[in-house]
Amino acid sequence: MRIVGITACPTGIAHTYITKQKIVEAAKECGFPCHIETQGTIGVEDELTTQQIAEADVVILAVDVKISGENRFAGKPIVRCRTEDVMRNTVGFLKKIEAKLNSRK
């Protein structure tokens, strides 16, 4: 399962970056290629490329605030959640997404 996503929290500091780190680490543990963009206090970092989005099987929007550029993901399965939801059990979270995607095939 190839993952792309965006993390963003109200202050654009701690949860934005912690959530990204947790998703990237859990994806690596599961063997899932993963690219996560942050939209924090200093703006967009690690902006997703058109190719990364095109190759993705799923988009994770772990956001607590309005984000920009969501239209880039048209036609892709999108999982929306709060940053807090991802941080609790990130590997389990990704495994649930994988199971759901596999059940649609």
Protein backbone atom coordinates (compact mmCIF):
# COMPACT_ATOMS: atom_id res chain seq x y z
CA MET A 1 0.00 0.00 0.00
CA ARG A 2 1.51 3.31 -1.09
CA ILE A 3 0.62 6.19 1.21
CA VAL A 4 0.63 9.94 0.77
CA GLY A 5 -0.85 12.42 3.17
CA ILE A 6 -0.92 15.71 4.96
CA THR A 7 -0.62 16.48 8.65
CA ALA A 8 -1.72 19.79 10.18
CA CYS A 9 -2.75 20.93 13.65
CA PRO A 10 -4.14 24.21 15.03
CA THR A 11 -0.78 25.57 16.16
CA GLY A 12 1.11 23.99 13.28
CA ILE A 13 3.93 22.81 15.50
CA ALA A 14 3.99 19.72 17.71
CA HIS A 15 1.14 17.51 16.51
CA THR A 16 1.80 18.33 12.85
CA TYR A 17 5.36 17.01 13.01
CA ILE A 18 4.84 14.23 15.56
CA THR A 19 1.98 12.82 13.49
CA LYS A 20 4.10 12.89 10.35
CA GLN A 21 6.95 11.13 12.13
CA LYS A 22 4.63 8.43 13.52
CA ILE A 23 3.04 7.76 10.13
CA VAL A 24 6.40 7.57 8.36
CA GLU A 25 7.88 5.25 11.01
CA ALA A 26 4.81 2.97 11.09
CA ALA A 27 4.69 2.81 7.30
CA LYS A 28 8.35 1.83 7.20
CA GLU A 29 7.70 -0.87 9.82
CA CYS A 30 4.84 -2.22 7.68
CA GLY A 31 6.80 -1.98 4.44
CA PHE A 32 4.55 0.70 2.94
CA PRO A 33 6.12 3.44 0.80
CA CYS A 34 5.03 6.73 2.35
CA HIS A 35 5.32 10.47 1.70
CA ILE A 36 3.77 12.98 4.10
CA GLU A 37 3.46 16.72 3.60
CA THR A 38 3.15 19.06 6.56
CA GLN A 39 1.19 22.27 6.64
CA GLY A 40 2.46 24.04 9.74
CA THR A 41 3.33 27.47 11.04
CA ILE A 42 6.14 27.86 8.52
CA GLY A 43 3.96 26.82 5.61
CA VAL A 44 4.03 23.70 3.44
CA GLU A 45 7.01 21.41 3.87
CA ASP A 46 7.85 18.24 1.93
CA GLU A 47 5.18 19.12 -0.63
CA LEU A 48 3.85 16.03 -2.37
CA THR A 49 4.73 15.68 -6.02
CA THR A 50 2.24 14.89 -8.75
CA GLN A 51 3.98 11.55 -9.26
CA GLN A 52 3.82 10.61 -5.56
CA ILE A 53 0.10 11.35 -5.54
CA ALA A 54 -0.51 9.45 -8.78
CA GLU A 55 1.27 6.35 -7.45
CA ALA A 56 -0.50 6.41 -4.07
CA ASP A 57 -3.12 3.85 -3.11
CA VAL A 58 -4.49 6.01 -0.31
CA VAL A 59 -4.36 9.56 1.01
CA ILE A 60 -4.28 10.15 4.77
CA LEU A 61 -5.41 13.59 5.88
CA ALA A 62 -4.51 13.71 9.57
CA VAL A 63 -5.62 17.26 10.11
CA ASP A 64 -7.26 19.34 12.81
CA VAL A 65 -7.58 22.48 10.67
CA LYS A 66 -8.44 23.47 7.12
CA ILE A 67 -5.68 22.60 4.66
CA SER A 68 -4.81 23.80 1.19
CA GLY A 69 -4.43 21.76 -1.97
CA GLU A 70 -6.86 19.00 -1.14
CA ASN A 71 -8.16 19.05 -4.72
CA ARG A 72 -4.89 17.32 -5.77
CA PHE A 73 -6.28 14.06 -4.41
CA ALA A 74 -9.41 13.86 -6.58
CA GLY A 75 -10.23 10.25 -7.39
CA LYS A 76 -8.03 8.79 -4.64
CA PRO A 77 -9.34 7.00 -1.54
CA ILE A 78 -9.06 9.50 1.31
CA VAL A 79 -8.92 8.74 5.03
CA ARG A 80 -9.71 11.79 7.15
CA CYS A 81 -8.89 11.82 10.83
CA ARG A 82 -7.57 13.96 13.64
CA THR A 83 -3.85 13.99 14.36
CA GLU A 84 -4.61 12.52 17.77
CA ASP A 85 -6.32 9.49 16.19
CA VAL A 86 -3.15 8.55 14.32
CA MET A 87 -0.75 8.96 17.22
CA ARG A 88 -2.35 6.38 19.51
CA ASN A 89 -1.69 3.20 17.51
CA THR A 90 -0.22 4.17 14.18
CA VAL A 91 0.66 0.68 12.95
CA GLY A 92 -2.85 -0.53 13.82
CA PHE A 93 -4.31 2.51 12.08
CA LEU A 94 -2.40 1.74 8.88
CA LYS A 95 -3.30 -1.97 9.03
CA LYS A 96 -7.01 -1.05 9.27
CA ILE A 97 -6.67 1.15 6.19
CA GLU A 98 -4.91 -1.65 4.33
CA ALA A 99 -7.64 -4.15 5.25
CA LYS A 100 -10.36 -1.76 4.11
CA LEU A 101 -8.62 -1.12 0.79
CA ASN A 102 -8.11 -4.84 0.24
CA SER A 103 -11.78 -5.56 0.94
CA ARG A 104 -12.74 -3.18 -1.89
CA LYS A 105 -10.77 -5.15 -4.48
